[in-house]
Amino acid sequence: MTQLTLQPGNTSLRELQILYRSGASAVLDGNARVGVDAAAAQVARAAQGTAAVYGVNTGFGKLASVKINPQDTETLQRNLILSHCSGVGDAIPTAIARLMMALKLLSLGRGASGVRWLVIEQIQDMLAKGVTPVVPAQGSVGASGDLAPLAHMAAAMLGEGQAELDGTILPAAEALSKAGLKPIVLGAKEGLALINGTQFSTAFALAGYFDAQRNAEAAIVASALSTDAVMGSTAPLQPEIHALRGHRGQIDVAAAIRDLMQGSEIRESHRDGDTRVQDPYCIRCQPQVTGAAIDLLRQAGRTLEIEANAVTDNPLVLADAGLIVSGGNFHAEPVAFAADQMALAIAEIGSISQRRTAVMVDPTLSFDLPPFLTPDPGLNSGYMIAEVTTAALMSENKHLATPCSTDSTPTSANQEDHVSMAAHGARRLVQMNANLSNIVGVELLCAAQGVECRAPLKTSNKLQTVLARLREDVPSLGNDRYMAPELKLAAGLVAGGDISGVADSEQLIDWKD
């Protein structure tokens, strides 16, 4: 298994994407230990003192005024974890659970949480040995941290709850034992440090961001192929148009489509004598719509990179100042906003993709393509209902794009009276991206069929490469046939990065903010 060494406070989106995609394990740079040990020593002193320090020698939340005796420290932390294991629903995907664990490493590694190094080692060892806590998906409101899901993660470290090992779900104690690991016993503040924080929400948001990148790039490729299929104009891609407006995403998308369509015989065939003055917006305004979505995704990515490197538990140990201070870094509002932004972008990329599919199957709009892209319409229905499916998924994504960050509700006896709802705001991106992969996959199938209808004219070399890759899995449509598996295959090519990968040797879009 590949292992990445992470720098707390300076880990990139690229490294996080490798962790998410590859299943690599992660360890912290050894230099982080000095700060971790200093903060842990300060917490140990506070636990033996008489002054009340939240979460160290007090109860939690509304019970913060209850003082805890030093001899009850271990029991306090264990009880905290077990009582907070109140999640419900299906287990989260293994890749996201492992990313969440790596994010917790980054937060603890900043040396402001007060945990001992052995807590960090337990997470590192579990990642290395493939012991993944089973974490229910539902139960977090995104403040005071992702309490319930992170408690399920922490419970597995203690040998409680369940964990996955080699694809099998086992009692956590058994999974640890089989992997040659032992449960740990938590010291002062360590349970609180593990469950306070935004790592669950951030892991889901990062997964949503990485998957949206692939979908967006595939949508750009599909849009170029669709433009050729309906013999659309490339005049709206003129660089001067986009420079005059100035939005980076718009400029980048126009450049990408120009490059993809360069040398198309289909395009050259109707430069002169075309009676159409303007194409529908879904063809003409692709850079403006998809480009704006990409700008939103870039902005969200920058927020998530900051959050991935942040310390988000409470209280924080300011070792240099000799202070342990209560704050509110566990509030996941930045993640909630980022998730809402991405949801809007995902929905709009799908919306304009669906409209391009609708144009291609409509003989009144497709510039002489056969109805529903079937060579024998009437006897065959072609892509009629595949287009309807994209409409259903587009509508679903529109509903899912409703903001979550504005839907606060008081919890914990009004102590936590404003929350972010970042957790389900980020979780919904998984379904939205799956819907988008299907929408773009259908567009690709329709665009490929449409381009083939223009024979003997050919599309550009790059788009011919895309067409050839698609035809490896899905043949051209003649007579009607059982279609669902083909839609799934096309969606898989989109989600897997195959489509954008074969279209260009490098990334179509530079995702750096």
Protein backbone atom coordinates (compact mmCIF):
# COMPACT_ATOMS: atom_id res chain seq x y z
CA MET A 1 0.00 0.00 0.00
CA THR A 2 1.30 3.45 -0.94
CA GLN A 3 2.02 5.76 1.98
CA LEU A 4 1.96 9.55 1.90
CA THR A 5 3.79 11.71 4.42
CA LEU A 6 1.62 14.73 5.20
CA GLN A 7 2.68 18.15 6.44
CA PRO A 8 0.13 19.49 8.95
CA GLY A 9 -0.94 22.93 7.79
CA ASN A 10 0.52 22.48 4.33
CA THR A 11 -1.17 19.50 2.65
CA SER A 12 -2.43 20.10 -0.89
CA LEU A 13 -5.65 19.18 -2.63
CA ARG A 14 -3.58 17.02 -4.95
CA GLU A 15 -2.29 14.93 -2.03
CA LEU A 16 -5.78 14.63 -0.62
CA GLN A 17 -7.11 13.49 -3.98
CA ILE A 18 -4.42 10.80 -4.14
CA LEU A 19 -5.53 9.60 -0.71
CA TYR A 20 -9.16 9.52 -1.81
CA ARG A 21 -8.61 7.84 -5.16
CA SER A 22 -5.82 5.39 -4.38
CA GLY A 23 -6.58 4.17 -0.88
CA ALA A 24 -3.06 5.14 0.18
CA SER A 25 -2.21 5.32 3.85
CA ALA A 26 -0.95 8.47 5.53
CA VAL A 27 1.51 9.44 8.24
CA LEU A 28 2.46 12.81 9.62
CA ASP A 29 5.87 14.33 9.10
CA GLY A 30 7.90 13.51 12.21
CA ASN A 31 8.61 17.20 12.85
CA ALA A 32 5.00 17.58 13.99
CA ARG A 33 5.71 15.60 17.14
CA VAL A 34 7.43 18.45 19.00
CA GLY A 35 4.30 20.60 18.98
CA VAL A 36 2.01 17.65 19.69
CA ASP A 37 4.04 16.61 22.73
CA ALA A 38 4.19 20.17 24.10
CA ALA A 39 0.40 20.55 23.90
CA ALA A 40 -0.16 17.12 25.44
CA ALA A 41 2.08 18.01 28.39
CA GLN A 42 0.12 21.19 29.00
CA VAL A 43 -3.17 19.26 29.03
CA ALA A 44 -1.71 16.72 31.45
CA ARG A 45 -0.83 19.52 33.86
CA ALA A 46 -4.29 21.04 33.56
CA ALA A 47 -5.94 17.68 34.26
CA GLN A 48 -4.17 17.54 37.62
CA GLY A 49 -4.92 21.14 38.51
CA THR A 50 -7.81 22.71 40.37
CA ALA A 51 -8.88 25.27 37.76
CA ALA A 52 -11.81 24.18 35.59
CA VAL A 53 -10.71 23.62 31.98
CA TYR A 54 -13.47 22.67 29.56
CA GLY A 55 -13.25 19.09 28.33
CA VAL A 56 -10.15 18.39 30.40
CA ASN A 57 -11.66 18.22 33.88
CA THR A 58 -15.27 19.21 33.22
CA GLY A 59 -18.33 17.75 31.58
CA PHE A 60 -19.34 18.67 28.05
CA GLY A 61 -21.76 21.04 26.37
CA LYS A 62 -24.48 22.11 28.80
CA LEU A 63 -22.69 20.01 31.46
CA ALA A 64 -19.50 22.08 31.27
CA SER A 65 -20.07 23.39 34.81
CA VAL A 66 -19.70 19.90 36.31
CA LYS A 67 -16.16 19.38 37.67
CA ILE A 68 -14.58 15.94 37.11
CA ASN A 69 -12.06 14.38 39.51
CA PRO A 70 -8.61 13.55 38.07
CA GLN A 71 -9.07 9.83 38.76
CA ASP A 72 -12.14 9.84 36.50
CA THR A 73 -10.33 11.30 33.47
CA GLU A 74 -10.16 8.07 31.49
CA THR A 75 -13.78 7.21 32.27
CA LEU A 76 -14.89 10.71 31.24
CA GLN A 77 -13.25 10.40 27.84
CA ARG A 78 -14.48 6.87 27.22
CA ASN A 79 -18.03 7.78 28.23
CA LEU A 80 -17.88 10.75 25.89
CA ILE A 81 -17.04 8.55 22.92
CA LEU A 82 -19.58 5.83 23.67
CA SER A 83 -22.44 8.24 24.38
CA HIS A 84 -21.78 10.13 21.16
CA CYS A 85 -21.88 6.98 19.02
CA SER A 86 -25.45 7.85 18.08
CA GLY A 87 -25.23 7.86 14.30
CA VAL A 88 -27.81 6.17 12.10
CA GLY A 89 -28.12 5.14 8.47
CA ASP A 90 -25.86 3.30 6.08
CA ALA A 91 -22.11 3.17 6.61
CA ILE A 92 -20.16 5.80 4.70
CA PRO A 93 -17.93 4.66 1.81
CA THR A 94 -14.57 3.25 2.85
CA ALA A 95 -12.65 5.79 0.75
CA ILE A 96 -14.36 8.69 2.49
CA ALA A 97 -13.89 7.15 5.94
CA ARG A 98 -10.15 6.81 5.29
CA LEU A 99 -9.97 10.38 4.01
CA MET A 100 -11.74 11.52 7.19
CA MET A 101 -9.10 9.71 9.27
CA ALA A 102 -6.30 11.40 7.33
CA LEU A 103 -7.93 14.79 7.88
CA LYS A 104 -8.10 14.10 11.61
CA LEU A 105 -4.37 13.37 11.52
CA LEU A 106 -3.74 16.75 9.92
CA SER A 107 -5.79 18.56 12.54
CA LEU A 108 -4.23 16.79 15.52
CA GLY A 109 -0.77 17.21 14.00
CA ARG A 110 -0.90 21.00 14.28
CA GLY A 111 -0.08 20.65 17.98
CA ALA A 112 -3.07 22.56 19.34
CA SER A 113 -5.32 19.67 20.38
CA GLY A 114 -3.44 18.30 23.38
CA VAL A 115 -3.45 14.61 22.43
CA ARG A 116 -0.53 12.28 23.00
CA TRP A 117 1.41 11.02 20.01
CA LEU A 118 0.08 7.52 20.57
CA VAL A 119 -3.40 8.72 19.51
CA ILE A 120 -1.94 9.86 16.19
CA GLU A 121 -0.04 6.58 15.87
CA GLN A 122 -3.27 4.62 16.33
CA ILE A 123 -4.89 6.40 13.39
CA GLN A 124 -1.76 5.98 11.27
CA ASP A 125 -1.53 2.29 12.09
CA MET A 126 -5.19 1.70 11.29
CA LEU A 127 -4.76 3.39 7.92
CA ALA A 128 -1.65 1.34 7.20
CA LYS A 129 -3.26 -1.96 8.22
CA GLY A 130 -6.56 -1.26 6.45
CA VAL A 131 -8.70 -1.11 9.60
CA THR A 132 -11.52 1.28 8.71
CA PRO A 133 -14.16 2.26 11.28
CA VAL A 134 -17.76 1.66 10.25
CA VAL A 135 -19.30 5.13 10.44
CA PRO A 136 -23.05 5.69 10.03
CA ALA A 137 -23.78 8.48 7.56
CA GLN A 138 -26.40 10.43 9.50
CA GLY A 139 -26.33 12.27 12.80
CA SER A 140 -24.14 15.37 12.45
CA VAL A 141 -25.42 18.95 12.28
CA GLY A 142 -21.96 20.34 11.53
CA ALA A 143 -21.36 21.88 15.00
CA SER A 144 -20.10 21.34 17.65
CA GLY A 145 -18.10 19.38 15.18
CA ASP A 146 -19.19 16.18 13.43
CA LEU A 147 -19.75 14.62 16.83
CA ALA A 148 -21.61 11.39 16.11
CA PRO A 149 -19.67 10.21 13.03
CA LEU A 150 -16.31 11.09 14.55
CA ALA A 151 -17.31 9.28 17.73
CA HIS A 152 -17.86 6.11 15.70
CA MET A 153 -14.36 6.58 14.26
CA ALA A 154 -12.90 7.08 17.73
CA ALA A 155 -14.81 4.09 19.14
CA ALA A 156 -13.05 1.76 16.73
CA MET A 157 -9.73 3.07 18.04
CA LEU A 158 -10.88 1.94 21.49
CA GLY A 159 -11.96 -1.46 20.23
CA GLU A 160 -15.66 -0.56 20.36
CA GLY A 161 -18.22 -0.62 17.57
CA GLN A 162 -17.38 -2.10 14.18
CA ALA A 163 -14.58 -1.84 11.65
CA GLU A 164 -13.90 -3.10 8.14
CA LEU A 165 -10.83 -5.23 7.44
CA ASP A 166 -10.14 -6.82 4.05
CA GLY A 167 -13.69 -6.14 2.95
CA THR A 168 -15.26 -7.80 5.98
CA ILE A 169 -17.17 -6.04 8.77
CA LEU A 170 -16.00 -7.19 12.20
CA PRO A 171 -16.28 -6.07 15.80
CA ALA A 172 -13.65 -3.36 16.08
CA ALA A 173 -11.67 -5.19 18.75
CA GLU A 174 -11.44 -8.25 16.50
CA ALA A 175 -10.43 -6.16 13.48
CA LEU A 176 -7.67 -4.48 15.48
CA SER A 177 -6.44 -7.84 16.79
CA LYS A 178 -6.35 -9.42 13.33
CA ALA A 179 -4.33 -6.43 12.11
CA GLY A 180 -1.86 -6.78 14.98
CA LEU A 181 -3.10 -3.64 16.77
CA LYS A 182 -4.45 -3.01 20.27
CA PRO A 183 -7.21 -0.69 21.49
CA ILE A 184 -5.97 2.50 23.12
CA VAL A 185 -7.07 4.13 26.38
CA LEU A 186 -7.78 7.84 26.08
CA GLY A 187 -6.29 10.45 28.36
CA ALA A 188 -7.45 13.93 29.27
CA LYS A 189 -9.19 15.80 26.42
CA GLU A 190 -8.30 13.14 23.85
CA GLY A 191 -11.84 11.94 23.29
CA LEU A 192 -13.01 15.51 22.84
CA ALA A 193 -10.17 16.22 20.40
CA LEU A 194 -11.19 13.22 18.31
CA ILE A 195 -14.90 14.03 18.03
CA ASN A 196 -14.74 17.83 17.84
CA GLY A 197 -13.94 18.95 14.33
CA THR A 198 -15.22 19.09 10.77
CA GLN A 199 -13.40 16.10 9.30
CA PHE A 200 -16.54 14.12 8.39
CA SER A 201 -18.12 17.07 6.58
CA THR A 202 -14.84 18.05 4.97
CA ALA A 203 -14.10 14.52 3.74
CA PHE A 204 -17.49 14.33 2.02
CA ALA A 205 -17.09 17.82 0.61
CA LEU A 206 -13.64 16.96 -0.76
CA ALA A 207 -15.00 13.78 -2.34
CA GLY A 208 -17.74 15.90 -3.89
CA TYR A 209 -15.17 18.34 -5.19
CA PHE A 210 -12.92 15.69 -6.71
CA ASP A 211 -15.85 13.91 -8.38
CA ALA A 212 -17.28 17.19 -9.64
CA GLN A 213 -13.95 17.95 -11.34
CA ARG A 214 -14.20 14.77 -13.40
CA ASN A 215 -17.83 15.40 -14.23
CA ALA A 216 -17.16 18.98 -15.27
CA GLU A 217 -14.30 18.02 -17.57
CA ALA A 218 -16.34 15.22 -19.15
CA ALA A 219 -19.19 17.69 -19.64
CA ILE A 220 -16.86 20.00 -21.54
CA VAL A 221 -15.84 17.13 -23.81
CA ALA A 222 -19.47 16.10 -24.28
CA SER A 223 -20.45 19.66 -25.10
CA ALA A 224 -17.84 19.87 -27.84
CA LEU A 225 -19.06 16.59 -29.34
CA SER A 226 -22.67 17.76 -29.07
CA THR A 227 -21.81 21.00 -30.84
CA ASP A 228 -20.48 19.04 -33.79
CA ALA A 229 -23.43 16.65 -33.69
CA VAL A 230 -25.92 19.51 -34.22
CA MET A 231 -23.52 21.37 -36.51
CA GLY A 232 -23.28 24.22 -34.06
CA SER A 233 -21.18 27.32 -34.59
CA THR A 234 -17.80 27.87 -32.97
CA ALA A 235 -18.03 31.63 -33.45
CA PRO A 236 -19.27 32.10 -29.84
CA LEU A 237 -15.99 30.52 -28.71
CA GLN A 238 -13.95 33.41 -30.14
CA PRO A 239 -11.41 34.28 -27.41
CA GLU A 240 -12.01 38.03 -27.67
CA ILE A 241 -15.63 37.55 -26.57
CA HIS A 242 -14.60 35.92 -23.32
CA ALA A 243 -11.68 38.24 -22.67
CA LEU A 244 -14.11 41.16 -22.81
CA ARG A 245 -16.07 39.68 -19.93
CA GLY A 246 -13.03 38.51 -18.00
CA HIS A 247 -14.24 35.55 -15.95
CA ARG A 248 -11.48 32.96 -15.79
CA GLY A 249 -13.74 29.89 -15.92
CA GLN A 250 -15.54 31.19 -19.00
CA ILE A 251 -12.24 31.93 -20.74
CA ASP A 252 -10.89 28.48 -19.87
CA VAL A 253 -13.97 26.56 -21.04
CA ALA A 254 -14.09 28.41 -24.35
CA ALA A 255 -10.42 27.65 -24.91
CA ALA A 256 -10.93 23.97 -24.04
CA ILE A 257 -13.84 23.54 -26.46
CA ARG A 258 -11.96 25.38 -29.22
CA ASP A 259 -9.04 23.03 -28.74
CA LEU A 260 -11.24 19.93 -28.70
CA MET A 261 -13.01 20.91 -31.94
CA GLN A 262 -9.91 22.07 -33.80
CA GLY A 263 -9.77 20.48 -37.27
CA SER A 264 -13.31 19.11 -37.33
CA GLU A 265 -14.52 18.41 -40.87
CA ILE A 266 -18.08 18.73 -39.65
CA ARG A 267 -17.43 22.27 -38.42
CA GLU A 268 -15.68 23.32 -41.60
CA SER A 269 -18.54 21.98 -43.75
CA HIS A 270 -21.02 24.64 -42.65
CA ARG A 271 -18.95 27.76 -42.08
CA ASP A 272 -20.40 29.23 -45.25
CA GLY A 273 -24.02 29.18 -46.33
CA ASP A 274 -25.51 28.12 -42.98
CA THR A 275 -28.94 29.78 -42.77
CA ARG A 276 -28.99 29.69 -38.98
CA VAL A 277 -27.95 32.93 -37.30
CA GLN A 278 -27.58 31.73 -33.71
CA ASP A 279 -27.58 28.42 -31.86
CA PRO A 280 -29.73 27.73 -28.77
CA TYR A 281 -28.25 28.91 -25.49
CA CYS A 282 -27.22 25.39 -24.46
CA ILE A 283 -24.77 25.43 -27.39
CA ARG A 284 -23.92 29.11 -27.58
CA CYS A 285 -23.54 29.80 -23.84
CA GLN A 286 -21.54 26.75 -22.79
CA PRO A 287 -18.49 28.76 -21.66
CA GLN A 288 -20.62 31.19 -19.68
CA VAL A 289 -22.53 28.47 -17.80
CA THR A 290 -19.95 25.72 -17.34
CA GLY A 291 -17.22 28.30 -16.82
CA ALA A 292 -19.15 29.97 -14.01
CA ALA A 293 -19.68 26.55 -12.42
CA ILE A 294 -15.95 25.84 -12.61
CA ASP A 295 -15.19 29.15 -10.92
CA LEU A 296 -17.52 28.14 -8.09
CA LEU A 297 -15.81 24.77 -7.79
CA ARG A 298 -12.37 26.39 -7.71
CA GLN A 299 -13.46 28.72 -4.93
CA ALA A 300 -14.92 25.82 -2.97
CA GLY A 301 -11.72 23.83 -3.46
CA ARG A 302 -9.67 26.62 -1.95
CA THR A 303 -11.95 26.75 1.09
CA LEU A 304 -11.68 22.99 1.53
CA GLU A 305 -7.89 23.02 1.25
CA ILE A 306 -7.75 25.54 4.09
CA GLU A 307 -10.22 23.53 6.15
CA ALA A 308 -8.36 20.27 5.58
CA ASN A 309 -5.29 21.84 7.19
CA ALA A 310 -7.16 23.56 10.01
CA VAL A 311 -7.39 22.83 13.71
CA THR A 312 -11.12 22.49 14.36
CA ASP A 313 -11.55 21.00 17.83
CA ASN A 314 -12.20 22.74 21.15
CA PRO A 315 -10.72 23.89 23.46
CA LEU A 316 -7.44 24.70 21.77
CA VAL A 317 -4.05 24.42 23.43
CA LEU A 318 -1.96 27.51 22.74
CA ALA A 319 1.28 26.04 24.01
CA ASP A 320 3.50 29.07 23.35
CA ALA A 321 1.14 31.28 25.36
CA GLY A 322 0.56 28.63 28.03
CA LEU A 323 -3.21 28.81 27.50
CA ILE A 324 -6.06 26.39 26.91
CA VAL A 325 -8.85 28.44 25.34
CA SER A 326 -12.41 27.65 24.31
CA GLY A 327 -13.37 28.77 20.82
CA GLY A 328 -15.63 27.80 17.96
CA ASN A 329 -13.44 26.37 15.18
CA PHE A 330 -15.65 23.26 15.16
CA HIS A 331 -18.43 25.25 13.47
CA ALA A 332 -18.45 24.01 9.88
CA GLU A 333 -19.99 27.07 8.22
CA PRO A 334 -17.14 27.40 5.67
CA VAL A 335 -17.64 23.76 4.66
CA ALA A 336 -21.41 24.21 4.47
CA PHE A 337 -21.04 27.21 2.18
CA ALA A 338 -18.53 25.35 0.01
CA ALA A 339 -20.89 22.38 -0.26
CA ASP A 340 -23.77 24.65 -1.23
CA GLN A 341 -21.61 26.30 -3.89
CA MET A 342 -20.63 22.95 -5.32
CA ALA A 343 -24.22 21.78 -5.33
CA LEU A 344 -25.20 24.78 -7.44
CA ALA A 345 -22.35 24.13 -9.85
CA ILE A 346 -23.16 20.42 -10.19
CA ALA A 347 -26.83 21.17 -10.79
CA GLU A 348 -26.11 23.76 -13.48
CA ILE A 349 -23.57 21.63 -15.34
CA GLY A 350 -26.23 18.93 -15.48
CA SER A 351 -28.95 21.37 -16.47
CA ILE A 352 -27.19 22.64 -19.57
CA SER A 353 -25.98 19.14 -20.47
CA GLN A 354 -29.57 17.90 -20.37
CA ARG A 355 -30.67 20.67 -22.68
CA ARG A 356 -28.00 19.71 -25.22
CA THR A 357 -29.33 16.15 -25.16
CA ALA A 358 -32.85 17.50 -25.65
CA VAL A 359 -31.72 19.45 -28.70
CA MET A 360 -30.04 16.41 -30.25
CA VAL A 361 -33.10 14.15 -30.01
CA ASP A 362 -35.48 16.82 -31.34
CA PRO A 363 -35.53 16.87 -35.18
CA THR A 364 -36.81 20.46 -35.18
CA LEU A 365 -33.68 21.65 -33.37
CA SER A 366 -30.95 19.16 -34.30
CA PHE A 367 -30.32 20.35 -37.89
CA ASP A 368 -31.52 17.25 -39.72
CA LEU A 369 -30.50 14.52 -37.28
CA PRO A 370 -33.06 11.67 -37.26
CA PRO A 371 -35.74 11.84 -34.55
CA PHE A 372 -34.37 10.51 -31.26
CA LEU A 373 -31.18 9.61 -33.11
CA THR A 374 -32.49 6.29 -34.40
CA PRO A 375 -32.01 5.30 -38.07
CA ASP A 376 -35.55 3.90 -38.24
CA PRO A 377 -37.81 6.19 -36.15
CA GLY A 378 -41.31 4.97 -35.40
CA LEU A 379 -40.45 1.32 -35.31
CA ASN A 380 -37.62 2.32 -32.95
CA SER A 381 -37.67 4.91 -30.16
CA GLY A 382 -33.90 5.42 -30.00
CA TYR A 383 -32.76 7.70 -27.20
CA MET A 384 -36.26 9.00 -26.44
CA ILE A 385 -36.48 7.72 -22.88
CA ALA A 386 -32.78 8.09 -22.16
CA GLU A 387 -33.40 11.82 -22.60
CA VAL A 388 -36.37 11.58 -20.24
CA THR A 389 -34.08 9.96 -17.67
CA THR A 390 -31.70 12.89 -17.88
CA ALA A 391 -34.62 15.24 -17.29
CA ALA A 392 -35.55 13.29 -14.15
CA LEU A 393 -31.98 13.41 -12.84
CA MET A 394 -31.63 17.10 -13.70
CA SER A 395 -34.78 17.87 -11.72
CA GLU A 396 -33.58 15.78 -8.79
CA ASN A 397 -30.32 17.68 -8.70
CA LYS A 398 -32.16 20.99 -8.76
CA HIS A 399 -34.02 19.99 -5.61
CA LEU A 400 -30.86 18.67 -3.98
CA ALA A 401 -29.12 21.98 -4.71
CA THR A 402 -31.36 23.80 -2.22
CA PRO A 403 -28.98 25.42 0.32
CA CYS A 404 -28.36 23.50 3.53
CA SER A 405 -26.26 26.16 5.26
CA THR A 406 -29.29 28.35 5.98
CA ASP A 407 -31.18 25.60 7.81
CA SER A 408 -29.89 25.94 11.36
CA THR A 409 -31.65 24.52 14.42
CA PRO A 410 -30.75 24.72 18.14
CA THR A 411 -29.37 21.54 19.78
CA SER A 412 -27.97 20.41 23.14
CA ALA A 413 -30.37 22.33 25.37
CA ASN A 414 -29.72 25.52 23.37
CA GLN A 415 -26.01 25.54 24.19
CA GLU A 416 -25.29 24.82 20.52
CA ASP A 417 -27.94 27.17 19.20
CA HIS A 418 -26.63 27.77 15.67
CA VAL A 419 -25.30 24.95 13.54
CA SER A 420 -24.05 24.68 9.96
CA MET A 421 -25.73 21.54 8.57
CA ALA A 422 -22.48 20.98 6.65
CA ALA A 423 -22.61 17.21 7.07
CA HIS A 424 -25.67 16.44 4.98
CA GLY A 425 -24.87 19.45 2.80
CA ALA A 426 -21.67 17.66 1.83
CA ARG A 427 -23.15 14.15 1.79
CA ARG A 428 -25.74 15.07 -0.84
CA LEU A 429 -22.92 15.82 -3.28
CA VAL A 430 -22.33 12.07 -3.66
CA GLN A 431 -25.81 11.56 -5.12
CA MET A 432 -25.65 14.75 -7.14
CA ASN A 433 -22.38 13.72 -8.76
CA ALA A 434 -23.76 10.27 -9.52
CA ASN A 435 -26.76 11.91 -11.18
CA LEU A 436 -24.49 14.23 -13.15
CA SER A 437 -22.32 11.34 -14.37
CA ASN A 438 -25.46 9.74 -15.78
CA ILE A 439 -26.67 12.96 -17.39
CA VAL A 440 -23.32 13.58 -19.10
CA GLY A 441 -23.04 9.89 -20.03
CA VAL A 442 -26.34 10.05 -21.93
CA GLU A 443 -25.23 13.25 -23.63
CA LEU A 444 -22.07 11.50 -24.79
CA LEU A 445 -24.06 8.61 -26.24
CA CYS A 446 -26.37 10.98 -28.08
CA ALA A 447 -23.53 13.19 -29.29
CA ALA A 448 -21.59 10.17 -30.56
CA GLN A 449 -24.65 8.91 -32.41
CA GLY A 450 -25.23 12.36 -33.85
CA VAL A 451 -21.65 12.77 -35.04
CA GLU A 452 -21.78 9.35 -36.71
CA CYS A 453 -24.91 10.49 -38.55
CA ARG A 454 -22.78 13.21 -40.18
CA ALA A 455 -20.57 10.65 -41.96
CA PRO A 456 -18.61 10.75 -44.16
CA LEU A 457 -17.72 14.02 -42.46
CA LYS A 458 -15.60 13.49 -39.36
CA THR A 459 -15.23 15.35 -36.12
CA SER A 460 -11.82 16.51 -34.82
CA ASN A 461 -9.00 14.10 -34.05
CA LYS A 462 -9.37 14.59 -30.31
CA LEU A 463 -13.10 14.00 -30.39
CA GLN A 464 -12.63 10.97 -32.64
CA THR A 465 -10.44 9.56 -29.86
CA VAL A 466 -13.27 10.13 -27.39
CA LEU A 467 -15.72 8.49 -29.77
CA ALA A 468 -13.46 5.48 -30.21
CA ARG A 469 -13.12 5.07 -26.43
CA LEU A 470 -16.87 5.23 -25.98
CA ARG A 471 -17.43 2.66 -28.72
CA GLU A 472 -15.13 0.21 -26.96
CA ASP A 473 -17.89 -0.16 -24.37
CA VAL A 474 -21.07 0.92 -26.14
CA PRO A 475 -21.73 0.25 -29.85
CA SER A 476 -23.68 2.57 -32.12
CA LEU A 477 -27.44 2.33 -31.77
CA GLY A 478 -29.27 0.64 -34.64
CA ASN A 479 -32.48 -1.13 -33.71
CA ASP A 480 -33.76 -0.64 -30.18
CA ARG A 481 -32.13 -2.81 -27.51
CA TYR A 482 -31.99 -3.13 -23.75
CA MET A 483 -30.37 0.19 -22.89
CA ALA A 484 -29.86 0.47 -19.12
CA PRO A 485 -26.46 -1.29 -19.00
CA GLU A 486 -25.15 1.01 -21.72
CA LEU A 487 -26.17 4.11 -19.78
CA LYS A 488 -24.36 2.71 -16.75
CA LEU A 489 -21.22 2.06 -18.78
CA ALA A 490 -21.24 5.58 -20.20
CA ALA A 491 -21.74 7.08 -16.74
CA GLY A 492 -18.84 4.97 -15.50
CA LEU A 493 -16.56 6.38 -18.18
CA VAL A 494 -17.51 9.88 -17.06
CA ALA A 495 -17.08 9.22 -13.34
CA GLY A 496 -13.85 7.30 -13.87
CA GLY A 497 -12.16 10.15 -15.75
CA ASP A 498 -11.80 8.12 -18.96
CA ILE A 499 -13.56 10.64 -21.19
CA SER A 500 -11.55 13.72 -20.26
CA GLY A 501 -8.42 11.55 -20.09
CA VAL A 502 -8.54 10.38 -23.68
CA ALA A 503 -9.59 13.79 -24.97
CA ASP A 504 -6.35 15.42 -23.93
CA SER A 505 -2.97 14.33 -22.64
CA GLU A 506 -3.20 16.96 -19.90
CA GLN A 507 -6.03 18.28 -17.74
CA LEU A 508 -8.57 20.23 -19.73
CA ILE A 509 -8.93 22.67 -16.85
CA ASP A 510 -6.37 24.06 -14.41
CA TRP A 511 -8.16 23.65 -11.08
CA LYS A 512 -5.90 25.88 -9.03
CA ASP A 513 -7.80 28.81 -7.58
